[in-house]
Amino acid sequence: MSKELVGALKALEQKGISREIIVDAIEAALINAYKKTTIKQVMYALI
């Protein structure tokens, strides 16, 4: 993980938010973004 992400996780943990909850939320967001990506977008990104 990047230093910035680790720092943000630590800051949120200090505010009482579990690291596991944050990581799960990020994972879910990435999965949803991946599902919304069309093959046309992927091909365009490769060009």
PDB file of N, CA and C in Angstrom:
ATOM      1  N   MET A   1       0.834  -1.185   0.000  1.00  0.00           N
ATOM      2  CA  MET A   1       0.000   0.000   0.000  1.00  0.00           C
ATOM      3  C   MET A   1       0.874   1.243   0.000  1.00  0.00           C
ATOM      4  N   SER A   2       0.338   2.296  -0.578  1.00  0.00           N
ATOM      5  CA  SER A   2       1.088   3.540  -0.617  1.00  0.00           C
ATOM      6  C   SER A   2       1.124   4.176   0.776  1.00  0.00           C
ATOM      7  N   LYS A   3       2.112   5.021   0.963  1.00  0.00           N
ATOM      8  CA  LYS A   3       2.256   5.717   2.252  1.00  0.00           C
ATOM      9  C   LYS A   3       1.024   6.571   2.550  1.00  0.00           C
ATOM     10  N   GLU A   4       0.474   7.186   1.502  1.00  0.00           N
ATOM     11  CA  GLU A   4      -0.691   8.047   1.680  1.00  0.00           C
ATOM     12  C   GLU A   4      -1.900   7.245   2.143  1.00  0.00           C
ATOM     13  N   LEU A   5      -2.098   6.071   1.547  1.00  0.00           N
ATOM     14  CA  LEU A   5      -3.231   5.229   1.926  1.00  0.00           C
ATOM     15  C   LEU A   5      -3.083   4.725   3.355  1.00  0.00           C
ATOM     16  N   VAL A   6      -1.889   4.306   3.708  1.00  0.00           N
ATOM     17  CA  VAL A   6      -1.642   3.836   5.070  1.00  0.00           C
ATOM     18  C   VAL A   6      -1.893   4.965   6.066  1.00  0.00           C
ATOM     19  N   GLY A   7      -1.434   6.163   5.737  1.00  0.00           N
ATOM     20  CA  GLY A   7      -1.665   7.319   6.606  1.00  0.00           C
ATOM     21  C   GLY A   7      -3.140   7.626   6.764  1.00  0.00           C
ATOM     22  N   ALA A   8      -3.882   7.537   5.674  1.00  0.00           N
ATOM     23  CA  ALA A   8      -5.322   7.792   5.734  1.00  0.00           C
ATOM     24  C   ALA A   8      -6.022   6.724   6.570  1.00  0.00           C
ATOM     25  N   LEU A   9      -5.618   5.473   6.414  1.00  0.00           N
ATOM     26  CA  LEU A   9      -6.207   4.393   7.209  1.00  0.00           C
ATOM     27  C   LEU A   9      -5.948   4.603   8.697  1.00  0.00           C
ATOM     28  N   LYS A  10      -4.732   5.007   9.034  1.00  0.00           N
ATOM     29  CA  LYS A  10      -4.396   5.259  10.439  1.00  0.00           C
ATOM     30  C   LYS A  10      -5.217   6.414  11.000  1.00  0.00           C
ATOM     31  N   ALA A  11      -5.375   7.468  10.204  1.00  0.00           N
ATOM     32  CA  ALA A  11      -6.147   8.624  10.658  1.00  0.00           C
ATOM     33  C   ALA A  11      -7.605   8.245  10.902  1.00  0.00           C
ATOM     34  N   LEU A  12      -8.161   7.439  10.017  1.00  0.00           N
ATOM     35  CA  LEU A  12      -9.550   7.019  10.186  1.00  0.00           C
ATOM     36  C   LEU A  12      -9.701   6.058  11.361  1.00  0.00           C
ATOM     37  N   GLU A  13      -8.704   5.224  11.589  1.00  0.00           N
ATOM     38  CA  GLU A  13      -8.739   4.331  12.749  1.00  0.00           C
ATOM     39  C   GLU A  13      -8.748   5.135  14.051  1.00  0.00           C
ATOM     40  N   GLN A  14      -8.014   6.242  14.081  1.00  0.00           N
ATOM     41  CA  GLN A  14      -7.974   7.088  15.265  1.00  0.00           C
ATOM     42  C   GLN A  14      -9.344   7.712  15.531  1.00  0.00           C
ATOM     43  N   LYS A  15     -10.155   7.835  14.471  1.00  0.00           N
ATOM     44  CA  LYS A  15     -11.502   8.387  14.630  1.00  0.00           C
ATOM     45  C   LYS A  15     -12.519   7.289  14.921  1.00  0.00           C
ATOM     46  N   GLY A  16     -12.033   6.049  15.081  1.00  0.00           N
ATOM     47  CA  GLY A  16     -12.911   4.955  15.467  1.00  0.00           C
ATOM     48  C   GLY A  16     -13.476   4.128  14.334  1.00  0.00           C
ATOM     49  N   ILE A  17     -12.937   4.296  13.140  1.00  0.00           N
ATOM     50  CA  ILE A  17     -13.417   3.527  11.997  1.00  0.00           C
ATOM     51  C   ILE A  17     -12.434   2.387  11.746  1.00  0.00           C
ATOM     52  N   SER A  18     -12.942   1.171  11.725  1.00  0.00           N
ATOM     53  CA  SER A  18     -12.116  -0.021  11.573  1.00  0.00           C
ATOM     54  C   SER A  18     -11.431  -0.064  10.205  1.00  0.00           C
ATOM     55  N   ARG A  19     -10.173  -0.459  10.201  1.00  0.00           N
ATOM     56  CA  ARG A  19      -9.419  -0.600   8.956  1.00  0.00           C
ATOM     57  C   ARG A  19     -10.106  -1.617   8.039  1.00  0.00           C
ATOM     58  N   GLU A  20     -10.620  -2.686   8.625  1.00  0.00           N
ATOM     59  CA  GLU A  20     -11.277  -3.738   7.838  1.00  0.00           C
ATOM     60  C   GLU A  20     -12.496  -3.193   7.097  1.00  0.00           C
ATOM     61  N   ILE A  21     -13.263  -2.349   7.769  1.00  0.00           N
ATOM     62  CA  ILE A  21     -14.446  -1.754   7.136  1.00  0.00           C
ATOM     63  C   ILE A  21     -14.030  -0.864   5.966  1.00  0.00           C
ATOM     64  N   ILE A  22     -12.993  -0.087   6.158  1.00  0.00           N
ATOM     65  CA  ILE A  22     -12.520   0.816   5.108  1.00  0.00           C
ATOM     66  C   ILE A  22     -12.020   0.025   3.905  1.00  0.00           C
ATOM     67  N   VAL A  23     -11.198  -0.989   4.167  1.00  0.00           N
ATOM     68  CA  VAL A  23     -10.643  -1.800   3.082  1.00  0.00           C
ATOM     69  C   VAL A  23     -11.769  -2.528   2.345  1.00  0.00           C
ATOM     70  N   ASP A  24     -12.749  -3.037   3.065  1.00  0.00           N
ATOM     71  CA  ASP A  24     -13.894  -3.696   2.430  1.00  0.00           C
ATOM     72  C   ASP A  24     -14.660  -2.725   1.535  1.00  0.00           C
ATOM     73  N   ALA A  25     -14.840  -1.492   1.997  1.00  0.00           N
ATOM     74  CA  ALA A  25     -15.552  -0.488   1.211  1.00  0.00           C
ATOM     75  C   ALA A  25     -14.778  -0.131  -0.059  1.00  0.00           C
ATOM     76  N   ILE A  26     -13.464  -0.001   0.063  1.00  0.00           N
ATOM     77  CA  ILE A  26     -12.632   0.297  -1.111  1.00  0.00           C
ATOM     78  C   ILE A  26     -12.702  -0.855  -2.101  1.00  0.00           C
ATOM     79  N   GLU A  27     -12.618  -2.067  -1.591  1.00  0.00           N
ATOM     80  CA  GLU A  27     -12.692  -3.251  -2.445  1.00  0.00           C
ATOM     81  C   GLU A  27     -14.025  -3.296  -3.193  1.00  0.00           C
ATOM     82  N   ALA A  28     -15.122  -3.046  -2.491  1.00  0.00           N
ATOM     83  CA  ALA A  28     -16.444  -3.056  -3.117  1.00  0.00           C
ATOM     84  C   ALA A  28     -16.545  -1.977  -4.193  1.00  0.00           C
ATOM     85  N   ALA A  29     -15.988  -0.809  -3.928  1.00  0.00           N
ATOM     86  CA  ALA A  29     -16.020   0.284  -4.905  1.00  0.00           C
ATOM     87  C   ALA A  29     -15.224  -0.078  -6.154  1.00  0.00           C
ATOM     88  N   LEU A  30     -14.078  -0.712  -5.974  1.00  0.00           N
ATOM     89  CA  LEU A  30     -13.266  -1.115  -7.125  1.00  0.00           C
ATOM     90  C   LEU A  30     -13.974  -2.188  -7.958  1.00  0.00           C
ATOM     91  N   ILE A  31     -14.629  -3.124  -7.283  1.00  0.00           N
ATOM     92  CA  ILE A  31     -15.370  -4.167  -7.999  1.00  0.00           C
ATOM     93  C   ILE A  31     -16.515  -3.551  -8.798  1.00  0.00           C
ATOM     94  N   ASN A  32     -17.246  -2.626  -8.194  1.00  0.00           N
ATOM     95  CA  ASN A  32     -18.340  -1.965  -8.912  1.00  0.00           C
ATOM     96  C   ASN A  32     -17.832  -1.168 -10.102  1.00  0.00           C
ATOM     97  N   ALA A  33     -16.721  -0.478  -9.937  1.00  0.00           N
ATOM     98  CA  ALA A  33     -16.147   0.288 -11.043  1.00  0.00           C
ATOM     99  C   ALA A  33     -15.712  -0.641 -12.162  1.00  0.00           C
ATOM    100  N   TYR A  34     -15.137  -1.781 -11.808  1.00  0.00           N
ATOM    101  CA  TYR A  34     -14.703  -2.759 -12.815  1.00  0.00           C
ATOM    102  C   TYR A  34     -15.902  -3.284 -13.585  1.00  0.00           C
ATOM    103  N   LYS A  35     -16.988  -3.586 -12.892  1.00  0.00           N
ATOM    104  CA  LYS A  35     -18.188  -4.116 -13.536  1.00  0.00           C
ATOM    105  C   LYS A  35     -18.801  -3.111 -14.506  1.00  0.00           C
ATOM    106  N   LYS A  36     -18.624  -1.816 -14.238  1.00  0.00           N
ATOM    107  CA  LYS A  36     -19.196  -0.781 -15.088  1.00  0.00           C
ATOM    108  C   LYS A  36     -18.314  -0.466 -16.299  1.00  0.00           C
ATOM    109  N   THR A  37     -17.107  -0.999 -16.302  1.00  0.00           N
ATOM    110  CA  THR A  37     -16.183  -0.743 -17.398  1.00  0.00           C
ATOM    111  C   THR A  37     -16.566  -1.611 -18.595  1.00  0.00           C
ATOM    112  N   THR A  38     -16.774  -0.991 -19.723  1.00  0.00           N
ATOM    113  CA  THR A  38     -17.135  -1.730 -20.934  1.00  0.00           C
ATOM    114  C   THR A  38     -15.878  -2.136 -21.686  1.00  0.00           C
ATOM    115  N   ILE A  39     -16.009  -3.094 -22.552  1.00  0.00           N
ATOM    116  CA  ILE A  39     -14.869  -3.543 -23.351  1.00  0.00           C
ATOM    117  C   ILE A  39     -14.364  -2.414 -24.243  1.00  0.00           C
ATOM    118  N   LYS A  40     -15.262  -1.535 -24.703  1.00  0.00           N
ATOM    119  CA  LYS A  40     -14.859  -0.399 -25.525  1.00  0.00           C
ATOM    120  C   LYS A  40     -13.934   0.530 -24.727  1.00  0.00           C
ATOM    121  N   GLN A  41     -14.248   0.766 -23.452  1.00  0.00           N
ATOM    122  CA  GLN A  41     -13.407   1.612 -22.595  1.00  0.00           C
ATOM    123  C   GLN A  41     -12.046   0.971 -22.399  1.00  0.00           C
ATOM    124  N   VAL A  42     -12.034  -0.342 -22.234  1.00  0.00           N
ATOM    125  CA  VAL A  42     -10.772  -1.049 -22.024  1.00  0.00           C
ATOM    126  C   VAL A  42      -9.917  -0.949 -23.272  1.00  0.00           C
ATOM    127  N   MET A  43     -10.501  -1.173 -24.429  1.00  0.00           N
ATOM    128  CA  MET A  43      -9.748  -1.101 -25.682  1.00  0.00           C
ATOM    129  C   MET A  43      -9.224   0.308 -25.915  1.00  0.00           C
ATOM    130  N   TYR A  44     -10.022   1.326 -25.601  1.00  0.00           N
ATOM    131  CA  TYR A  44      -9.588   2.711 -25.761  1.00  0.00           C
ATOM    132  C   TYR A  44      -8.403   3.006 -24.857  1.00  0.00           C
ATOM    133  N   ALA A  45      -8.421   2.472 -23.655  1.00  0.00           N
ATOM    134  CA  ALA A  45      -7.337   2.706 -22.700  1.00  0.00           C
ATOM    135  C   ALA A  45      -6.045   2.065 -23.164  1.00  0.00           C
ATOM    136  N   LEU A  46      -6.147   0.983 -23.921  1.00  0.00           N
ATOM    137  CA  LEU A  46      -4.954   0.283 -24.398  1.00  0.00           C
ATOM    138  C   LEU A  46      -4.295   0.977 -25.571  1.00  0.00           C
ATOM    139  N   ILE A  47      -5.044   1.829 -26.246  1.00  0.00           N
ATOM    140  CA  ILE A  47      -4.515   2.504 -27.439  1.00  0.00           C
ATOM    141  C   ILE A  47      -3.610   3.650 -27.045  1.00  0.00           C
TER     142      ILE A  47
END
